[in-house]
Amino acid sequence: MCSRNLVISLALIIALVPLSTVALPHHSIAKRSSFFDIECKGQFNKQIFYRLDRICEDCYSLFREPQILSFCKKQCFTTDYFKGCIDALQLTDEIEKFKPLIKVLNGADPNTL
């Protein structure tokens, strides 16, 4: 009887563990921790964060230099590297749209853009 219960318990665990890993939103948790890692002191807004993060991801894809990814995001998207990525991706006509987005995440006006 005890071994039967053990077998049933193990079968349930094996069946449920893959479901729990699919159902958990690990990606957004990782992004939220990244928000704090890059020194953002403002309000976390997932949509804004993903938009600015995408610029850095696209810049990395363009140059394939690992440092670009971290330098672009550093100081909550306010470094010269972020501006350089905007230039490289030919998004300079949208720079005024990015400033208020950065302000939300950063909690202050982005002086470097």
N, C-alpha and C. Protein backbone atom coordinates (compact mmCIF):
# COMPACT_ATOMS: atom_id res chain seq x y z
N MET A 1 0.82 -1.19 0.00
CA MET A 1 0.00 0.00 0.00
C MET A 1 0.87 1.26 0.00
N CYS A 2 1.91 1.24 0.81
CA CYS A 2 2.80 2.40 0.89
C CYS A 2 3.53 2.63 -0.43
N SER A 3 3.99 1.54 -1.05
CA SER A 3 4.70 1.70 -2.31
C SER A 3 3.75 2.14 -3.43
N ARG A 4 2.49 1.74 -3.34
CA ARG A 4 1.50 2.18 -4.34
C ARG A 4 1.27 3.68 -4.22
N ASN A 5 1.16 4.17 -2.99
CA ASN A 5 1.00 5.61 -2.77
C ASN A 5 2.22 6.39 -3.25
N LEU A 6 3.38 5.82 -3.05
CA LEU A 6 4.61 6.46 -3.51
C LEU A 6 4.64 6.55 -5.03
N VAL A 7 4.24 5.48 -5.70
CA VAL A 7 4.20 5.46 -7.16
C VAL A 7 3.20 6.49 -7.68
N ILE A 8 2.04 6.56 -7.05
CA ILE A 8 1.03 7.54 -7.47
C ILE A 8 1.54 8.95 -7.24
N SER A 9 2.17 9.19 -6.11
CA SER A 9 2.72 10.52 -5.81
C SER A 9 3.79 10.92 -6.82
N LEU A 10 4.68 9.99 -7.14
CA LEU A 10 5.72 10.28 -8.11
C LEU A 10 5.13 10.54 -9.49
N ALA A 11 4.12 9.80 -9.87
CA ALA A 11 3.47 10.00 -11.17
C ALA A 11 2.84 11.38 -11.24
N LEU A 12 2.19 11.80 -10.16
CA LEU A 12 1.59 13.14 -10.12
C LEU A 12 2.65 14.23 -10.20
N ILE A 13 3.73 14.05 -9.49
CA ILE A 13 4.81 15.05 -9.52
C ILE A 13 5.39 15.15 -10.92
N ILE A 14 5.64 14.02 -11.54
CA ILE A 14 6.20 14.01 -12.90
C ILE A 14 5.23 14.67 -13.88
N ALA A 15 3.94 14.46 -13.68
CA ALA A 15 2.95 15.05 -14.58
C ALA A 15 2.77 16.54 -14.35
N LEU A 16 2.86 16.99 -13.11
CA LEU A 16 2.57 18.38 -12.78
C LEU A 16 3.76 19.33 -12.88
N VAL A 17 4.96 18.85 -12.70
CA VAL A 17 6.14 19.72 -12.75
C VAL A 17 6.28 20.41 -14.10
N PRO A 18 6.18 19.70 -15.23
CA PRO A 18 6.28 20.42 -16.51
C PRO A 18 5.19 21.48 -16.68
N LEU A 19 3.98 21.22 -16.19
CA LEU A 19 2.91 22.20 -16.29
C LEU A 19 3.21 23.45 -15.48
N SER A 20 3.79 23.28 -14.31
CA SER A 20 4.07 24.44 -13.47
C SER A 20 5.19 25.29 -14.06
N THR A 21 6.14 24.68 -14.73
CA THR A 21 7.21 25.47 -15.32
C THR A 21 6.73 26.26 -16.52
N VAL A 22 5.75 25.74 -17.24
CA VAL A 22 5.19 26.45 -18.38
C VAL A 22 4.29 27.59 -17.91
N ALA A 23 3.57 27.40 -16.83
CA ALA A 23 2.59 28.37 -16.37
C ALA A 23 3.21 29.57 -15.67
N LEU A 24 4.41 29.44 -15.15
CA LEU A 24 5.01 30.54 -14.41
C LEU A 24 5.62 31.57 -15.35
N PRO A 25 5.42 32.85 -15.09
CA PRO A 25 5.96 33.90 -15.96
C PRO A 25 7.40 34.25 -15.60
N HIS A 26 8.32 33.35 -15.83
CA HIS A 26 9.72 33.58 -15.46
C HIS A 26 10.30 34.79 -16.19
N HIS A 27 9.90 34.99 -17.44
CA HIS A 27 10.50 36.05 -18.24
C HIS A 27 10.24 37.43 -17.65
N SER A 28 9.02 37.69 -17.20
CA SER A 28 8.73 39.01 -16.65
C SER A 28 9.43 39.21 -15.32
N ILE A 29 9.60 38.14 -14.54
CA ILE A 29 10.33 38.26 -13.29
C ILE A 29 11.78 38.62 -13.58
N ALA A 30 12.37 37.98 -14.58
CA ALA A 30 13.75 38.29 -14.95
C ALA A 30 13.87 39.73 -15.42
N LYS A 31 12.89 40.20 -16.20
CA LYS A 31 12.94 41.57 -16.68
C LYS A 31 12.80 42.55 -15.53
N ARG A 32 11.95 42.23 -14.55
CA ARG A 32 11.77 43.13 -13.41
C ARG A 32 13.06 43.23 -12.60
N SER A 33 13.76 42.10 -12.41
CA SER A 33 15.02 42.16 -11.68
C SER A 33 16.05 42.93 -12.49
N SER A 34 16.01 42.80 -13.82
CA SER A 34 16.92 43.56 -14.67
C SER A 34 16.66 45.05 -14.53
N PHE A 35 15.40 45.43 -14.33
CA PHE A 35 15.02 46.82 -14.13
C PHE A 35 15.81 47.43 -12.97
N PHE A 36 15.92 46.70 -11.88
CA PHE A 36 16.67 47.19 -10.73
C PHE A 36 18.17 47.06 -10.94
N ASP A 37 18.59 46.04 -11.65
CA ASP A 37 20.02 45.83 -11.90
C ASP A 37 20.64 46.96 -12.71
N ILE A 38 19.86 47.59 -13.59
CA ILE A 38 20.41 48.67 -14.42
C ILE A 38 20.16 50.04 -13.80
N GLU A 39 19.87 50.04 -12.51
CA GLU A 39 19.79 51.27 -11.71
C GLU A 39 18.58 52.15 -12.04
N CYS A 40 17.48 51.55 -12.45
CA CYS A 40 16.26 52.32 -12.66
C CYS A 40 15.63 52.60 -11.29
N LYS A 41 15.30 53.85 -11.06
CA LYS A 41 14.76 54.24 -9.76
C LYS A 41 13.34 54.77 -9.86
N GLY A 42 12.76 54.67 -11.04
CA GLY A 42 11.40 55.16 -11.25
C GLY A 42 10.39 54.04 -11.11
N GLN A 43 9.35 54.14 -11.89
CA GLN A 43 8.25 53.20 -11.86
C GLN A 43 8.47 52.10 -12.89
N PHE A 44 8.30 50.84 -12.48
CA PHE A 44 8.43 49.74 -13.43
C PHE A 44 7.16 49.66 -14.27
N ASN A 45 7.34 49.82 -15.56
CA ASN A 45 6.25 49.68 -16.53
C ASN A 45 6.74 48.69 -17.57
N LYS A 46 6.13 47.52 -17.58
CA LYS A 46 6.62 46.43 -18.43
C LYS A 46 6.65 46.82 -19.90
N GLN A 47 5.61 47.48 -20.38
CA GLN A 47 5.54 47.85 -21.79
C GLN A 47 6.65 48.83 -22.17
N ILE A 48 6.88 49.82 -21.34
CA ILE A 48 7.95 50.80 -21.60
C ILE A 48 9.31 50.12 -21.52
N PHE A 49 9.49 49.30 -20.49
CA PHE A 49 10.77 48.63 -20.32
C PHE A 49 11.08 47.75 -21.53
N TYR A 50 10.09 46.98 -21.99
CA TYR A 50 10.32 46.12 -23.15
C TYR A 50 10.66 46.93 -24.39
N ARG A 51 10.04 48.09 -24.56
CA ARG A 51 10.31 48.93 -25.74
C ARG A 51 11.76 49.40 -25.75
N LEU A 52 12.23 49.91 -24.61
CA LEU A 52 13.61 50.41 -24.54
C LEU A 52 14.61 49.25 -24.56
N ASP A 53 14.26 48.17 -23.88
CA ASP A 53 15.12 46.99 -23.87
C ASP A 53 15.28 46.43 -25.28
N ARG A 54 14.23 46.52 -26.07
CA ARG A 54 14.27 46.01 -27.45
C ARG A 54 15.28 46.78 -28.29
N ILE A 55 15.41 48.07 -28.03
CA ILE A 55 16.41 48.88 -28.74
C ILE A 55 17.80 48.32 -28.47
N CYS A 56 18.07 48.02 -27.21
CA CYS A 56 19.38 47.46 -26.86
C CYS A 56 19.57 46.07 -27.45
N GLU A 57 18.53 45.26 -27.44
CA GLU A 57 18.61 43.92 -28.03
C GLU A 57 18.88 44.01 -29.54
N ASP A 58 18.19 44.92 -30.22
CA ASP A 58 18.40 45.09 -31.66
C ASP A 58 19.81 45.61 -31.96
N CYS A 59 20.30 46.47 -31.10
CA CYS A 59 21.65 47.01 -31.26
C CYS A 59 22.68 45.88 -31.09
N TYR A 60 22.45 45.04 -30.10
CA TYR A 60 23.33 43.89 -29.91
C TYR A 60 23.30 42.98 -31.14
N SER A 61 22.10 42.74 -31.67
CA SER A 61 21.97 41.89 -32.86
C SER A 61 22.71 42.48 -34.06
N LEU A 62 22.76 43.79 -34.12
CA LEU A 62 23.43 44.47 -35.22
C LEU A 62 24.95 44.32 -35.13
N PHE A 63 25.50 44.52 -33.94
CA PHE A 63 26.96 44.52 -33.77
C PHE A 63 27.53 43.23 -33.19
N ARG A 64 26.72 42.43 -32.53
CA ARG A 64 27.16 41.18 -31.91
C ARG A 64 28.32 41.37 -30.93
N GLU A 65 28.28 42.45 -30.19
CA GLU A 65 29.26 42.71 -29.14
C GLU A 65 28.54 42.61 -27.80
N PRO A 66 28.89 41.63 -26.96
CA PRO A 66 28.18 41.44 -25.69
C PRO A 66 28.17 42.68 -24.79
N GLN A 67 29.24 43.47 -24.82
CA GLN A 67 29.30 44.65 -23.96
C GLN A 67 28.25 45.68 -24.35
N ILE A 68 27.90 45.74 -25.60
CA ILE A 68 26.93 46.74 -26.06
C ILE A 68 25.60 46.54 -25.34
N LEU A 69 25.21 45.32 -25.16
CA LEU A 69 23.93 45.03 -24.51
C LEU A 69 23.89 45.59 -23.09
N SER A 70 24.92 45.34 -22.32
CA SER A 70 24.92 45.84 -20.94
C SER A 70 25.16 47.34 -20.87
N PHE A 71 26.05 47.87 -21.71
CA PHE A 71 26.32 49.31 -21.69
C PHE A 71 25.12 50.11 -22.18
N CYS A 72 24.37 49.58 -23.11
CA CYS A 72 23.18 50.26 -23.63
C CYS A 72 22.12 50.42 -22.54
N LYS A 73 21.95 49.39 -21.72
CA LYS A 73 20.93 49.41 -20.67
C LYS A 73 21.40 50.13 -19.40
N LYS A 74 22.70 50.28 -19.26
CA LYS A 74 23.28 50.81 -18.03
C LYS A 74 22.67 52.17 -17.66
N GLN A 75 22.58 52.41 -16.38
CA GLN A 75 22.03 53.66 -15.83
C GLN A 75 20.64 53.94 -16.40
N CYS A 76 19.87 52.89 -16.54
CA CYS A 76 18.47 52.99 -16.97
C CYS A 76 18.33 53.69 -18.32
N PHE A 77 19.11 53.23 -19.28
CA PHE A 77 19.01 53.70 -20.67
C PHE A 77 19.40 55.17 -20.83
N THR A 78 20.34 55.65 -20.03
CA THR A 78 20.72 57.07 -20.13
C THR A 78 22.17 57.28 -20.56
N THR A 79 22.86 56.24 -20.98
CA THR A 79 24.26 56.39 -21.36
C THR A 79 24.39 56.79 -22.83
N ASP A 80 25.59 57.17 -23.19
CA ASP A 80 25.88 57.48 -24.59
C ASP A 80 25.74 56.24 -25.47
N TYR A 81 25.90 55.06 -24.87
CA TYR A 81 25.74 53.82 -25.65
C TYR A 81 24.29 53.68 -26.11
N PHE A 82 23.33 54.01 -25.25
CA PHE A 82 21.93 53.94 -25.66
C PHE A 82 21.67 54.91 -26.81
N LYS A 83 22.19 56.12 -26.68
CA LYS A 83 22.03 57.10 -27.76
C LYS A 83 22.72 56.60 -29.03
N GLY A 84 23.89 55.99 -28.89
CA GLY A 84 24.58 55.43 -30.04
C GLY A 84 23.77 54.33 -30.71
N CYS A 85 23.09 53.53 -29.91
CA CYS A 85 22.23 52.48 -30.47
C CYS A 85 21.05 53.09 -31.21
N ILE A 86 20.49 54.17 -30.66
CA ILE A 86 19.40 54.86 -31.35
C ILE A 86 19.89 55.36 -32.71
N ASP A 87 21.09 55.92 -32.73
CA ASP A 87 21.67 56.40 -33.99
C ASP A 87 21.92 55.25 -34.96
N ALA A 88 22.52 54.17 -34.45
CA ALA A 88 22.86 53.02 -35.31
C ALA A 88 21.61 52.36 -35.89
N LEU A 89 20.54 52.35 -35.13
CA LEU A 89 19.29 51.74 -35.60
C LEU A 89 18.42 52.72 -36.38
N GLN A 90 18.96 53.90 -36.60
CA GLN A 90 18.28 54.97 -37.36
C GLN A 90 16.92 55.31 -36.76
N LEU A 91 16.92 55.50 -35.43
CA LEU A 91 15.71 55.87 -34.71
C LEU A 91 15.78 57.29 -34.17
N THR A 92 16.69 58.09 -34.70
CA THR A 92 16.89 59.44 -34.15
C THR A 92 15.65 60.31 -34.28
N ASP A 93 14.80 60.04 -35.25
CA ASP A 93 13.57 60.83 -35.38
C ASP A 93 12.57 60.52 -34.26
N GLU A 94 12.80 59.44 -33.52
CA GLU A 94 11.92 59.05 -32.42
C GLU A 94 12.50 59.39 -31.05
N ILE A 95 13.65 60.06 -31.01
CA ILE A 95 14.34 60.29 -29.75
C ILE A 95 13.48 61.07 -28.75
N GLU A 96 12.67 61.99 -29.23
CA GLU A 96 11.81 62.76 -28.33
C GLU A 96 10.71 61.88 -27.71
N LYS A 97 10.35 60.80 -28.38
CA LYS A 97 9.38 59.85 -27.82
C LYS A 97 10.00 59.02 -26.71
N PHE A 98 11.31 58.77 -26.81
CA PHE A 98 11.98 57.93 -25.83
C PHE A 98 12.24 58.66 -24.51
N LYS A 99 12.43 59.96 -24.55
CA LYS A 99 12.75 60.72 -23.34
C LYS A 99 11.70 60.57 -22.24
N PRO A 100 10.41 60.75 -22.54
CA PRO A 100 9.43 60.57 -21.46
C PRO A 100 9.33 59.12 -20.98
N LEU A 101 9.61 58.17 -21.87
CA LEU A 101 9.60 56.76 -21.47
C LEU A 101 10.72 56.49 -20.48
N ILE A 102 11.89 57.02 -20.79
CA ILE A 102 13.04 56.86 -19.90
C ILE A 102 12.77 57.55 -18.57
N LYS A 103 12.11 58.69 -18.62
CA LYS A 103 11.79 59.43 -17.39
C LYS A 103 10.91 58.59 -16.46
N VAL A 104 9.96 57.86 -17.02
CA VAL A 104 9.10 57.01 -16.20
C VAL A 104 9.93 55.95 -15.48
N LEU A 105 10.81 55.30 -16.22
CA LEU A 105 11.62 54.22 -15.64
C LEU A 105 12.72 54.75 -14.73
N ASN A 106 13.32 55.86 -15.14
CA ASN A 106 14.48 56.40 -14.43
C ASN A 106 14.07 57.25 -13.23
N GLY A 107 12.90 57.85 -13.30
CA GLY A 107 12.46 58.71 -12.22
C GLY A 107 12.99 60.13 -12.35
N ALA A 108 13.73 60.42 -13.40
CA ALA A 108 14.29 61.76 -13.63
C ALA A 108 14.46 61.96 -15.13
N ASP A 109 14.63 63.21 -15.52
CA ASP A 109 14.85 63.51 -16.94
C ASP A 109 16.16 62.92 -17.42
N PRO A 110 16.16 62.30 -18.60
CA PRO A 110 17.41 61.79 -19.17
C PRO A 110 18.19 62.94 -19.80
N ASN A 111 19.24 63.36 -19.16
CA ASN A 111 20.00 64.52 -19.62
C ASN A 111 20.89 64.21 -20.81
N THR A 112 21.27 62.95 -20.98
CA THR A 112 22.26 62.62 -22.00
C THR A 112 21.68 62.47 -23.40
N LEU A 113 20.37 62.37 -23.54
CA LEU A 113 19.80 62.15 -24.87
C LEU A 113 19.53 63.44 -25.58
